[in-house]
Amino acid sequence: MFENLLGQERVKRILKKIIETRKIPHAFLFYGKEGVGKKRFAIEFSKIISGSSKNSLKDITIIEEEKSIGIDKIRELKRTSYLSPQGEFRINIIDNAHLLTIEASNSLLKILEEPPKRTIFILITPFPEKLPDTVVSRCLPVHFSPIPTKLIEEKVKERIENQEEVKVISRISSGSLKKAYELMDKDKLIQRKEIISYFISFLKGNKTYIEFVRYMERVENLREAIVIFEEIVSDMISIKKVKEESLIKNLDFLQDIFDLSISLSMDALIRLGEKLFEIEKNLKYNLNQSFLIRKLGVEILRLTGGINA
């Protein structure tokens, strides 16, 4: 049971016990960072509890949207929820449940308050804090942890021969198998190295403010680049604290990270990390990207002593 799914031993124990005892809650909340297996577990679990494998998929409804989940989706879900399942249960999986609109959340809440017989809901999200407390309180929370680096490394080895790349990808995936698979794309790796090189050059004073801003304005996925910057700064803080290589994710830039951790103060690194986090958060709300890039450039100059200002 769940043998084909990677990691999440605690989750496996919880779900197996529920299956064995047949004490199945009417609603679950599968939460944890992206790419750790929440959706795969939800589907596999649904197949098992819905009854025979012949009818299992017919009794499973999956809602998955990238932008928002409107009330029409939930109304349709509500309608089908009252139909008799072909197997033992009807299961409704709502992926990215944090994208539910207020109206959709309220409509879903009414169903969760008076759930139809033999119907189970599984909400999936990396951001449980974005869901209304009233919805969360009616679900059994199941937390999915980051996948251990060693397990991800084994998967990466199946596709990549270069051992240095295997180690780098496994560490910077931060426990997300999805991210590891994305990073196996050669173009993605090249792009990542270019972004880090530019960031480090600017921190060292080898690129001017104007060069940095112009480069960042050309970056295809700005939020992704900012997250990479956050990881680099996190590595600098880690090595400054304990000088332990095993804690570093971006091993291919180890010397640069070490050099900058010496030249920059802990206070400057912490403040830079905070500024990057603030900008990443603002990017979620589609604030002016050019303004945020320039703001970051000025902050870096200030924290590094104004080199090339």
C-alpha atoms as a PDB file:
ATOM      1  CA  MET A   1       0.000   0.000   0.000  1.00  0.00           C
ATOM      2  CA  PHE A   2       1.547   3.299  -1.200  1.00  0.00           C
ATOM      3  CA  GLU A   3       4.790   1.405  -2.020  1.00  0.00           C
ATOM      4  CA  ASN A   4       5.144   3.256  -5.322  1.00  0.00           C
ATOM      5  CA  LEU A   5       5.050   6.679  -3.607  1.00  0.00           C
ATOM      6  CA  LEU A   6       8.245   8.380  -2.463  1.00  0.00           C
ATOM      7  CA  GLY A   7       8.883   9.184   1.207  1.00  0.00           C
ATOM      8  CA  GLN A   8       6.149  10.469   3.551  1.00  0.00           C
ATOM      9  CA  GLU A   9       6.363   7.479   5.908  1.00  0.00           C
ATOM     10  CA  ARG A  10       4.325   9.264   8.588  1.00  0.00           C
ATOM     11  CA  VAL A  11       1.567  10.070   6.091  1.00  0.00           C
ATOM     12  CA  LYS A  12       1.551   6.449   4.938  1.00  0.00           C
ATOM     13  CA  ARG A  13       1.069   5.249   8.518  1.00  0.00           C
ATOM     14  CA  ILE A  14      -1.812   7.686   9.101  1.00  0.00           C
ATOM     15  CA  LEU A  15      -3.636   6.767   5.887  1.00  0.00           C
ATOM     16  CA  LYS A  16      -3.061   3.024   6.332  1.00  0.00           C
ATOM     17  CA  LYS A  17      -4.582   3.170   9.813  1.00  0.00           C
ATOM     18  CA  ILE A  18      -7.613   5.036   8.467  1.00  0.00           C
ATOM     19  CA  ILE A  19      -8.034   2.437   5.727  1.00  0.00           C
ATOM     20  CA  GLU A  20      -7.641  -0.494   8.131  1.00  0.00           C
ATOM     21  CA  THR A  21     -10.062   0.838  10.747  1.00  0.00           C
ATOM     22  CA  ARG A  22     -12.482   2.199   8.117  1.00  0.00           C
ATOM     23  CA  LYS A  23     -12.921   5.276  10.299  1.00  0.00           C
ATOM     24  CA  ILE A  24     -12.800   7.708   7.408  1.00  0.00           C
ATOM     25  CA  PRO A  25     -13.363  11.437   8.062  1.00  0.00           C
ATOM     26  CA  HIS A  26     -15.598  13.241   5.582  1.00  0.00           C
ATOM     27  CA  ALA A  27     -12.880  15.803   4.775  1.00  0.00           C
ATOM     28  CA  PHE A  28      -9.067  15.925   4.687  1.00  0.00           C
ATOM     29  CA  LEU A  29      -6.601  18.769   4.283  1.00  0.00           C
ATOM     30  CA  PHE A  30      -3.363  17.613   2.641  1.00  0.00           C
ATOM     31  CA  TYR A  31      -0.859  20.423   3.114  1.00  0.00           C
ATOM     32  CA  GLY A  32       2.878  20.939   2.685  1.00  0.00           C
ATOM     33  CA  LYS A  33       5.266  22.535   0.213  1.00  0.00           C
ATOM     34  CA  GLU A  34       4.866  22.017  -3.529  1.00  0.00           C
ATOM     35  CA  GLY A  35       6.195  18.843  -5.115  1.00  0.00           C
ATOM     36  CA  VAL A  36       6.164  16.535  -2.082  1.00  0.00           C
ATOM     37  CA  GLY A  37       3.488  14.117  -3.292  1.00  0.00           C
ATOM     38  CA  LYS A  38       0.222  15.508  -1.895  1.00  0.00           C
ATOM     39  CA  LYS A  39      -1.784  15.016  -5.077  1.00  0.00           C
ATOM     40  CA  ARG A  40      -0.377  11.581  -5.852  1.00  0.00           C
ATOM     41  CA  PHE A  41      -1.179  10.411  -2.329  1.00  0.00           C
ATOM     42  CA  ALA A  42      -4.684  11.880  -2.601  1.00  0.00           C
ATOM     43  CA  ILE A  43      -5.375   9.969  -5.819  1.00  0.00           C
ATOM     44  CA  GLU A  44      -3.890   6.700  -4.555  1.00  0.00           C
ATOM     45  CA  PHE A  45      -5.760   6.979  -1.245  1.00  0.00           C
ATOM     46  CA  SER A  46      -8.980   7.747  -3.135  1.00  0.00           C
ATOM     47  CA  LYS A  47      -8.577   4.673  -5.345  1.00  0.00           C
ATOM     48  CA  ILE A  48      -8.182   2.454  -2.301  1.00  0.00           C
ATOM     49  CA  ILE A  49     -11.121   3.737  -0.261  1.00  0.00           C
ATOM     50  CA  SER A  50     -13.519   4.133  -3.184  1.00  0.00           C
ATOM     51  CA  GLY A  51     -13.751   0.381  -3.639  1.00  0.00           C
ATOM     52  CA  SER A  52     -12.864  -1.809  -6.586  1.00  0.00           C
ATOM     53  CA  SER A  53     -10.182  -0.562  -8.957  1.00  0.00           C
ATOM     54  CA  LYS A  54     -12.639  -1.037 -11.824  1.00  0.00           C
ATOM     55  CA  ASN A  55     -14.915   1.717 -10.558  1.00  0.00           C
ATOM     56  CA  SER A  56     -12.470   3.785  -8.495  1.00  0.00           C
ATOM     57  CA  LEU A  57     -11.645   6.441 -11.088  1.00  0.00           C
ATOM     58  CA  LYS A  58     -15.308   6.949 -11.925  1.00  0.00           C
ATOM     59  CA  ASP A  59     -15.986   7.933  -8.318  1.00  0.00           C
ATOM     60  CA  ILE A  60     -13.123  10.436  -8.144  1.00  0.00           C
ATOM     61  CA  THR A  61     -13.552  14.070  -9.179  1.00  0.00           C
ATOM     62  CA  ILE A  62     -10.482  16.307  -9.343  1.00  0.00           C
ATOM     63  CA  ILE A  63     -10.677  20.095  -9.479  1.00  0.00           C
ATOM     64  CA  GLU A  64      -7.387  21.734 -10.433  1.00  0.00           C
ATOM     65  CA  GLU A  65      -7.054  25.357 -11.453  1.00  0.00           C
ATOM     66  CA  GLU A  66      -4.053  27.673 -11.812  1.00  0.00           C
ATOM     67  CA  LYS A  67      -5.695  31.034 -11.120  1.00  0.00           C
ATOM     68  CA  SER A  68      -8.895  30.699  -9.107  1.00  0.00           C
ATOM     69  CA  ILE A  69     -11.607  28.200  -8.220  1.00  0.00           C
ATOM     70  CA  GLY A  70     -14.996  29.845  -8.627  1.00  0.00           C
ATOM     71  CA  ILE A  71     -18.378  29.072  -7.136  1.00  0.00           C
ATOM     72  CA  ASP A  72     -19.603  27.356 -10.330  1.00  0.00           C
ATOM     73  CA  LYS A  73     -17.029  24.586  -9.815  1.00  0.00           C
ATOM     74  CA  ILE A  74     -18.206  24.036  -6.241  1.00  0.00           C
ATOM     75  CA  ARG A  75     -21.877  24.098  -7.249  1.00  0.00           C
ATOM     76  CA  GLU A  76     -21.213  21.351  -9.787  1.00  0.00           C
ATOM     77  CA  LEU A  77     -19.229  19.440  -7.165  1.00  0.00           C
ATOM     78  CA  LYS A  78     -22.131  19.775  -4.748  1.00  0.00           C
ATOM     79  CA  ARG A  79     -24.555  18.447  -7.367  1.00  0.00           C
ATOM     80  CA  THR A  80     -22.479  15.339  -8.128  1.00  0.00           C
ATOM     81  CA  SER A  81     -21.726  14.747  -4.434  1.00  0.00           C
ATOM     82  CA  TYR A  82     -25.325  13.704  -3.844  1.00  0.00           C
ATOM     83  CA  LEU A  83     -25.209  11.067  -6.584  1.00  0.00           C
ATOM     84  CA  SER A  84     -24.676   7.493  -5.404  1.00  0.00           C
ATOM     85  CA  PRO A  85     -21.104   6.293  -5.992  1.00  0.00           C
ATOM     86  CA  GLN A  86     -20.474   3.120  -7.989  1.00  0.00           C
ATOM     87  CA  GLY A  87     -17.958   2.015  -5.385  1.00  0.00           C
ATOM     88  CA  GLU A  88     -17.999   2.495  -1.625  1.00  0.00           C
ATOM     89  CA  PHE A  89     -17.300   6.250  -1.631  1.00  0.00           C
ATOM     90  CA  ARG A  90     -17.361   9.259  -3.906  1.00  0.00           C
ATOM     91  CA  ILE A  91     -14.188  11.341  -3.487  1.00  0.00           C
ATOM     92  CA  ASN A  92     -13.784  14.996  -4.430  1.00  0.00           C
ATOM     93  CA  ILE A  93     -10.198  16.251  -4.662  1.00  0.00           C
ATOM     94  CA  ILE A  94      -9.672  20.020  -4.734  1.00  0.00           C
ATOM     95  CA  ASP A  95      -6.081  20.771  -5.741  1.00  0.00           C
ATOM     96  CA  ASN A  96      -4.684  24.232  -4.941  1.00  0.00           C
ATOM     97  CA  ALA A  97      -7.603  24.754  -2.562  1.00  0.00           C
ATOM     98  CA  HIS A  98      -6.144  28.115  -1.523  1.00  0.00           C
ATOM     99  CA  LEU A  99      -7.366  29.420  -4.905  1.00  0.00           C
ATOM    100  CA  LEU A 100     -11.003  29.098  -3.850  1.00  0.00           C
ATOM    101  CA  THR A 101     -12.803  32.426  -4.120  1.00  0.00           C
ATOM    102  CA  ILE A 102     -14.664  33.719  -1.052  1.00  0.00           C
ATOM    103  CA  GLU A 103     -17.994  32.676  -2.579  1.00  0.00           C
ATOM    104  CA  ALA A 104     -16.626  29.233  -3.463  1.00  0.00           C
ATOM    105  CA  SER A 105     -15.200  28.795   0.053  1.00  0.00           C
ATOM    106  CA  ASN A 106     -18.543  29.699   1.609  1.00  0.00           C
ATOM    107  CA  SER A 107     -20.354  27.278  -0.682  1.00  0.00           C
ATOM    108  CA  LEU A 108     -17.866  24.512   0.136  1.00  0.00           C
ATOM    109  CA  LEU A 109     -18.247  25.224   3.850  1.00  0.00           C
ATOM    110  CA  LYS A 110     -21.972  24.506   3.648  1.00  0.00           C
ATOM    111  CA  ILE A 111     -21.248  21.092   2.121  1.00  0.00           C
ATOM    112  CA  LEU A 112     -18.604  20.323   4.764  1.00  0.00           C
ATOM    113  CA  GLU A 113     -21.023  21.294   7.533  1.00  0.00           C
ATOM    114  CA  GLU A 114     -23.629  18.827   6.238  1.00  0.00           C
ATOM    115  CA  PRO A 115     -21.656  16.363   4.098  1.00  0.00           C
ATOM    116  CA  PRO A 116     -23.525  13.971   1.801  1.00  0.00           C
ATOM    117  CA  LYS A 117     -23.361  10.317   2.820  1.00  0.00           C
ATOM    118  CA  ARG A 118     -20.506   8.275   1.351  1.00  0.00           C
ATOM    119  CA  THR A 119     -18.784  11.403   0.030  1.00  0.00           C
ATOM    120  CA  ILE A 120     -15.269  12.437   1.013  1.00  0.00           C
ATOM    121  CA  PHE A 121     -13.433  15.687   0.295  1.00  0.00           C
ATOM    122  CA  ILE A 122      -9.658  16.056   0.034  1.00  0.00           C
ATOM    123  CA  LEU A 123      -8.338  19.625  -0.077  1.00  0.00           C
ATOM    124  CA  ILE A 124      -4.733  20.042  -1.227  1.00  0.00           C
ATOM    125  CA  THR A 125      -2.622  23.162  -0.727  1.00  0.00           C
ATOM    126  CA  PRO A 126       0.898  24.413   0.000  1.00  0.00           C
ATOM    127  CA  PHE A 127      -0.701  27.447   1.688  1.00  0.00           C
ATOM    128  CA  PRO A 128      -3.194  26.285   4.357  1.00  0.00           C
ATOM    129  CA  GLU A 129      -3.043  29.718   5.994  1.00  0.00           C
ATOM    130  CA  LYS A 130      -4.870  31.144   2.954  1.00  0.00           C
ATOM    131  CA  LEU A 131      -7.914  28.973   3.583  1.00  0.00           C
ATOM    132  CA  PRO A 132     -10.717  30.206   5.869  1.00  0.00           C
ATOM    133  CA  ASP A 133     -10.402  28.834   9.419  1.00  0.00           C
ATOM    134  CA  THR A 134     -13.986  27.621   9.188  1.00  0.00           C
ATOM    135  CA  VAL A 135     -13.062  25.346   6.264  1.00  0.00           C
ATOM    136  CA  VAL A 136      -9.797  24.145   7.819  1.00  0.00           C
ATOM    137  CA  SER A 137     -11.500  23.278  11.120  1.00  0.00           C
ATOM    138  CA  ARG A 138     -13.800  20.819   9.344  1.00  0.00           C
ATOM    139  CA  CYS A 139     -10.947  18.842   7.791  1.00  0.00           C
ATOM    140  CA  LEU A 140      -8.500  16.302   9.168  1.00  0.00           C
ATOM    141  CA  PRO A 141      -5.091  17.964   8.622  1.00  0.00           C
ATOM    142  CA  VAL A 142      -2.387  15.747   7.116  1.00  0.00           C
ATOM    143  CA  HIS A 143       1.020  17.408   6.847  1.00  0.00           C
ATOM    144  CA  PHE A 144       3.421  16.400   4.067  1.00  0.00           C
ATOM    145  CA  SER A 145       7.083  16.967   4.942  1.00  0.00           C
ATOM    146  CA  PRO A 146       9.874  17.787   2.479  1.00  0.00           C
ATOM    147  CA  ILE A 147      11.212  14.599   0.895  1.00  0.00           C
ATOM    148  CA  PRO A 148      14.634  13.581   2.330  1.00  0.00           C
ATOM    149  CA  THR A 149      17.556  14.674   0.138  1.00  0.00           C
ATOM    150  CA  LYS A 150      18.869  11.094  -0.136  1.00  0.00           C
ATOM    151  CA  LEU A 151      15.598   9.863  -1.645  1.00  0.00           C
ATOM    152  CA  ILE A 152      15.550  12.727  -4.150  1.00  0.00           C
ATOM    153  CA  GLU A 153      19.189  12.021  -4.997  1.00  0.00           C
ATOM    154  CA  GLU A 154      18.295   8.419  -5.869  1.00  0.00           C
ATOM    155  CA  LYS A 155      15.611   9.642  -8.269  1.00  0.00           C
ATOM    156  CA  VAL A 156      17.914  12.233  -9.861  1.00  0.00           C
ATOM    157  CA  LYS A 157      20.628   9.581 -10.385  1.00  0.00           C
ATOM    158  CA  GLU A 158      18.196   7.655 -12.571  1.00  0.00           C
ATOM    159  CA  ARG A 159      18.274  10.504 -15.107  1.00  0.00           C
ATOM    160  CA  ILE A 160      21.603  12.300 -14.638  1.00  0.00           C
ATOM    161  CA  GLU A 161      25.117  10.799 -14.626  1.00  0.00           C
ATOM    162  CA  ASN A 162      27.119  13.871 -13.553  1.00  0.00           C
ATOM    163  CA  GLN A 163      27.568  13.397  -9.784  1.00  0.00           C
ATOM    164  CA  GLU A 164      28.152  17.092  -9.047  1.00  0.00           C
ATOM    165  CA  GLU A 165      24.899  17.996 -10.797  1.00  0.00           C
ATOM    166  CA  VAL A 166      23.106  15.214  -8.913  1.00  0.00           C
ATOM    167  CA  LYS A 167      24.223  16.655  -5.567  1.00  0.00           C
ATOM    168  CA  VAL A 168      23.408  20.252  -6.503  1.00  0.00           C
ATOM    169  CA  ILE A 169      19.945  19.417  -7.859  1.00  0.00           C
ATOM    170  CA  SER A 170      19.126  17.217  -4.866  1.00  0.00           C
ATOM    171  CA  ARG A 171      20.065  19.913  -2.370  1.00  0.00           C
ATOM    172  CA  ILE A 172      18.525  22.952  -4.030  1.00  0.00           C
ATOM    173  CA  SER A 173      15.269  21.077  -4.641  1.00  0.00           C
ATOM    174  CA  SER A 174      14.677  21.577  -0.891  1.00  0.00           C
ATOM    175  CA  GLY A 175      12.717  18.376  -0.495  1.00  0.00           C
ATOM    176  CA  SER A 176      10.525  18.902  -3.572  1.00  0.00           C
ATOM    177  CA  LEU A 177      10.666  16.127  -6.165  1.00  0.00           C
ATOM    178  CA  LYS A 178       8.765  18.363  -8.578  1.00  0.00           C
ATOM    179  CA  LYS A 179      11.452  21.039  -8.301  1.00  0.00           C
ATOM    180  CA  ALA A 180      14.181  18.406  -8.736  1.00  0.00           C
ATOM    181  CA  TYR A 181      12.609  17.193 -11.986  1.00  0.00           C
ATOM    182  CA  GLU A 182      12.316  20.784 -13.233  1.00  0.00           C
ATOM    183  CA  LEU A 183      15.993  21.413 -12.467  1.00  0.00           C
ATOM    184  CA  MET A 184      17.030  18.356 -14.481  1.00  0.00           C
ATOM    185  CA  ASP A 185      16.229  20.406 -17.568  1.00  0.00           C
ATOM    186  CA  LYS A 186      19.625  21.556 -18.909  1.00  0.00           C
ATOM    187  CA  ASP A 187      18.279  24.965 -19.926  1.00  0.00           C
ATOM    188  CA  LYS A 188      16.898  25.433 -16.416  1.00  0.00           C
ATOM    189  CA  LEU A 189      20.280  24.631 -14.865  1.00  0.00           C
ATOM    190  CA  ILE A 190      22.104  27.004 -17.222  1.00  0.00           C
ATOM    191  CA  GLN A 191      19.597  29.770 -16.474  1.00  0.00           C
ATOM    192  CA  ARG A 192      19.982  29.218 -12.727  1.00  0.00           C
ATOM    193  CA  LYS A 193      23.780  29.455 -12.937  1.00  0.00           C
ATOM    194  CA  GLU A 194      23.565  32.665 -14.963  1.00  0.00           C
ATOM    195  CA  ILE A 195      21.161  34.251 -12.455  1.00  0.00           C
ATOM    196  CA  ILE A 196      23.366  33.311  -9.490  1.00  0.00           C
ATOM    197  CA  SER A 197      26.534  34.497 -11.261  1.00  0.00           C
ATOM    198  CA  TYR A 198      24.990  37.911 -11.914  1.00  0.00           C
ATOM    199  CA  PHE A 199      23.751  38.228  -8.340  1.00  0.00           C
ATOM    200  CA  ILE A 200      27.142  37.294  -6.902  1.00  0.00           C
ATOM    201  CA  SER A 201      28.966  39.641  -9.292  1.00  0.00           C
ATOM    202  CA  PHE A 202      26.752  42.513  -8.153  1.00  0.00           C
ATOM    203  CA  LEU A 203      27.294  41.656  -4.491  1.00  0.00           C
ATOM    204  CA  LYS A 204      31.063  41.650  -5.088  1.00  0.00           C
ATOM    205  CA  GLY A 205      30.923  44.973  -6.925  1.00  0.00           C
ATOM    206  CA  ASN A 206      31.833  43.513 -10.316  1.00  0.00           C
ATOM    207  CA  LYS A 207      28.544  44.664 -11.879  1.00  0.00           C
ATOM    208  CA  THR A 208      27.126  48.170 -11.682  1.00  0.00           C
ATOM    209  CA  TYR A 209      23.666  49.050 -10.431  1.00  0.00           C
ATOM    210  CA  ILE A 210      22.498  49.823 -13.994  1.00  0.00           C
ATOM    211  CA  GLU A 211      23.858  46.505 -15.321  1.00  0.00           C
ATOM    212  CA  PHE A 212      22.121  44.583 -12.540  1.00  0.00           C
ATOM    213  CA  VAL A 213      18.779  46.352 -13.054  1.00  0.00           C
ATOM    214  CA  ARG A 214      18.859  45.878 -16.838  1.00  0.00           C
ATOM    215  CA  TYR A 215      19.692  42.198 -16.458  1.00  0.00           C
ATOM    216  CA  MET A 216      16.933  41.603 -13.896  1.00  0.00           C
ATOM    217  CA  GLU A 217      14.383  43.338 -16.121  1.00  0.00           C
ATOM    218  CA  ARG A 218      15.150  40.708 -18.792  1.00  0.00           C
ATOM    219  CA  VAL A 219      14.728  37.744 -16.444  1.00  0.00           C
ATOM    220  CA  GLU A 220      11.749  35.655 -17.543  1.00  0.00           C
ATOM    221  CA  ASN A 221      10.544  34.598 -14.076  1.00  0.00           C
ATOM    222  CA  LEU A 222      11.466  37.315 -11.584  1.00  0.00           C
ATOM    223  CA  ARG A 223       9.905  35.641  -8.556  1.00  0.00           C
ATOM    224  CA  GLU A 224      11.848  32.454  -9.267  1.00  0.00           C
ATOM    225  CA  ALA A 225      15.071  34.485  -9.485  1.00  0.00           C
ATOM    226  CA  ILE A 226      14.349  36.180  -6.147  1.00  0.00           C
ATOM    227  CA  VAL A 227      13.799  32.763  -4.527  1.00  0.00           C
ATOM    228  CA  ILE A 228      17.204  31.678  -5.883  1.00  0.00           C
ATOM    229  CA  PHE A 229      18.754  34.829  -4.373  1.00  0.00           C
ATOM    230  CA  GLU A 230      17.114  33.974  -1.037  1.00  0.00           C
ATOM    231  CA  GLU A 231      18.695  30.509  -1.135  1.00  0.00           C
ATOM    232  CA  ILE A 232      22.141  31.987  -1.843  1.00  0.00           C
ATOM    233  CA  VAL A 233      21.829  34.427   1.073  1.00  0.00           C
ATOM    234  CA  SER A 234      20.582  31.581   3.284  1.00  0.00           C
ATOM    235  CA  ASP A 235      23.703  29.594   2.342  1.00  0.00           C
ATOM    236  CA  MET A 236      25.896  32.577   3.262  1.00  0.00           C
ATOM    237  CA  ILE A 237      24.216  32.877   6.655  1.00  0.00           C
ATOM    238  CA  SER A 238      24.578  29.127   7.277  1.00  0.00           C
ATOM    239  CA  ILE A 239      28.271  29.030   6.436  1.00  0.00           C
ATOM    240  CA  LYS A 240      28.926  32.184   8.447  1.00  0.00           C
ATOM    241  CA  LYS A 241      27.274  30.596  11.485  1.00  0.00           C
ATOM    242  CA  VAL A 242      28.764  27.095  11.457  1.00  0.00           C
ATOM    243  CA  LYS A 243      31.181  26.891   8.484  1.00  0.00           C
ATOM    244  CA  GLU A 244      29.726  23.493   7.595  1.00  0.00           C
ATOM    245  CA  GLU A 245      29.681  22.559   3.896  1.00  0.00           C
ATOM    246  CA  SER A 246      26.989  19.900   4.377  1.00  0.00           C
ATOM    247  CA  LEU A 247      24.445  22.660   5.100  1.00  0.00           C
ATOM    248  CA  ILE A 248      25.070  24.433   1.793  1.00  0.00           C
ATOM    249  CA  LYS A 249      22.592  23.842  -1.031  1.00  0.00           C
ATOM    250  CA  ASN A 250      24.346  25.662  -3.879  1.00  0.00           C
ATOM    251  CA  LEU A 251      27.536  23.600  -3.836  1.00  0.00           C
ATOM    252  CA  ASP A 252      28.575  24.718  -7.313  1.00  0.00           C
ATOM    253  CA  PHE A 253      29.031  28.268  -5.936  1.00  0.00           C
ATOM    254  CA  LEU A 254      30.602  27.232  -2.642  1.00  0.00           C
ATOM    255  CA  GLN A 255      33.743  29.395  -2.932  1.00  0.00           C
ATOM    256  CA  ASP A 256      31.791  32.534  -3.858  1.00  0.00           C
ATOM    257  CA  ILE A 257      29.356  31.912  -1.004  1.00  0.00           C
ATOM    258  CA  PHE A 258      32.237  31.433   1.419  1.00  0.00           C
ATOM    259  CA  ASP A 259      34.023  34.603   0.235  1.00  0.00           C
ATOM    260  CA  LEU A 260      30.890  36.746   0.523  1.00  0.00           C
ATOM    261  CA  SER A 261      30.020  35.301   3.925  1.00  0.00           C
ATOM    262  CA  ILE A 262      33.361  36.693   5.108  1.00  0.00           C
ATOM    263  CA  SER A 263      33.097  40.118   3.455  1.00  0.00           C
ATOM    264  CA  LEU A 264      29.482  40.808   4.481  1.00  0.00           C
ATOM    265  CA  SER A 265      28.348  41.161   8.087  1.00  0.00           C
ATOM    266  CA  MET A 266      25.720  38.880   9.589  1.00  0.00           C
ATOM    267  CA  ASP A 267      23.468  41.901  10.072  1.00  0.00           C
ATOM    268  CA  ALA A 268      23.767  42.828   6.374  1.00  0.00           C
ATOM    269  CA  LEU A 269      22.992  39.254   5.285  1.00  0.00           C
ATOM    270  CA  ILE A 270      19.943  38.996   7.533  1.00  0.00           C
ATOM    271  CA  ARG A 271      18.622  42.346   6.313  1.00  0.00           C
ATOM    272  CA  LEU A 272      19.240  41.337   2.690  1.00  0.00           C
ATOM    273  CA  GLY A 273      17.358  38.074   3.282  1.00  0.00           C
ATOM    274  CA  GLU A 274      14.455  40.021   4.784  1.00  0.00           C
ATOM    275  CA  LYS A 275      14.410  42.443   1.849  1.00  0.00           C
ATOM    276  CA  LEU A 276      14.377  39.572  -0.666  1.00  0.00           C
ATOM    277  CA  PHE A 277      11.514  37.897   1.190  1.00  0.00           C
ATOM    278  CA  GLU A 278       9.581  41.169   1.176  1.00  0.00           C
ATOM    279  CA  ILE A 279      10.080  41.580  -2.576  1.00  0.00           C
ATOM    280  CA  GLU A 280       9.085  37.963  -3.253  1.00  0.00           C
ATOM    281  CA  LYS A 281       5.891  38.536  -1.264  1.00  0.00           C
ATOM    282  CA  ASN A 282       5.138  41.768  -3.153  1.00  0.00           C
ATOM    283  CA  LEU A 283       5.608  40.010  -6.499  1.00  0.00           C
ATOM    284  CA  LYS A 284       2.693  37.720  -5.605  1.00  0.00           C
ATOM    285  CA  TYR A 285       0.469  40.790  -5.673  1.00  0.00           C
ATOM    286  CA  ASN A 286       1.746  41.862  -9.115  1.00  0.00           C
ATOM    287  CA  LEU A 287       3.293  45.086  -7.845  1.00  0.00           C
ATOM    288  CA  ASN A 288       5.453  47.086 -10.287  1.00  0.00           C
ATOM    289  CA  GLN A 289       8.344  44.733 -11.097  1.00  0.00           C
ATOM    290  CA  SER A 290      10.685  47.434 -12.381  1.00  0.00           C
ATOM    291  CA  PHE A 291      10.217  49.411  -9.164  1.00  0.00           C
ATOM    292  CA  LEU A 292      10.917  46.325  -7.027  1.00  0.00           C
ATOM    293  CA  ILE A 293      14.080  45.500  -9.013  1.00  0.00           C
ATOM    294  CA  ARG A 294      15.433  49.027  -8.574  1.00  0.00           C
ATOM    295  CA  LYS A 295      14.516  48.967  -4.902  1.00  0.00           C
ATOM    296  CA  LEU A 296      16.446  45.701  -4.482  1.00  0.00           C
ATOM    297  CA  GLY A 297      19.455  47.099  -6.344  1.00  0.00           C
ATOM    298  CA  VAL A 298      19.598  50.161  -4.089  1.00  0.00           C
ATOM    299  CA  GLU A 299      19.268  47.996  -0.975  1.00  0.00           C
ATOM    300  CA  ILE A 300      22.117  45.724  -2.086  1.00  0.00           C
ATOM    301  CA  LEU A 301      24.352  48.733  -2.734  1.00  0.00           C
ATOM    302  CA  ARG A 302      23.522  50.100   0.698  1.00  0.00           C
ATOM    303  CA  LEU A 303      24.209  46.807   2.482  1.00  0.00           C
ATOM    304  CA  THR A 304      27.455  46.163   0.595  1.00  0.00           C
ATOM    305  CA  GLY A 305      28.823  49.642   1.211  1.00  0.00           C
ATOM    306  CA  GLY A 306      27.693  51.324  -1.994  1.00  0.00           C
ATOM    307  CA  ILE A 307      30.273  49.752  -4.314  1.00  0.00           C
ATOM    308  CA  ASN A 308      29.770  50.949  -7.896  1.00  0.00           C
ATOM    309  CA  ALA A 309      26.900  53.189  -6.781  1.00  0.00           C
END
